[in-house]
């Protein structure tokens, strides 16, 4: 372990968690971090209704207990300026999800790997308890940052999917 990793671990820094990464604090140890089918939000947002949405249509982020904030970034196989519209919701315990924000994620030009590029411009309506932050550098890596307020599940659903696959990374 390098010195920077040791310091960052002490600070509870989380490295980016990407599709297929292990999450040992959960029974299911792999993060399913991609959306391949667009989905309208169901009329009922209770836990059972959300769990019934097909895996290809949603991403659920389940951070480790005690995580105070999340940073979310997007990647996709689209063309520059393609726009994906993503609803972001939160829940705690076995309860109903509530809408945090509706994000417009604009495909940038910075390459992650192969044909996969980062989203750069992220616009939202900021309906959350406290202000959210959006880092949106043109043709670089955009991200969305929020305070978790002890919510333990975050749902992302793409109502408009302009790309074949939308990857959602978080830390």
Foldseek 3Di string as FASTA:
>chain_A
DDPVVVVCVVVVHDDKQWAQQADVVDPPGGFHFKAQDADDDDPFQFPVVVVPPDSNFKGKDFDDFPDFKKKKWKKALDDFQQWWWKWKWFAADRGGIDTQKIKIFTFAQDDPDDSMGTTAAIDIDGNHPDGKDWHHDHRDIIIIMDTRVRTGMMMMGTNGDRGRMMGMMMD
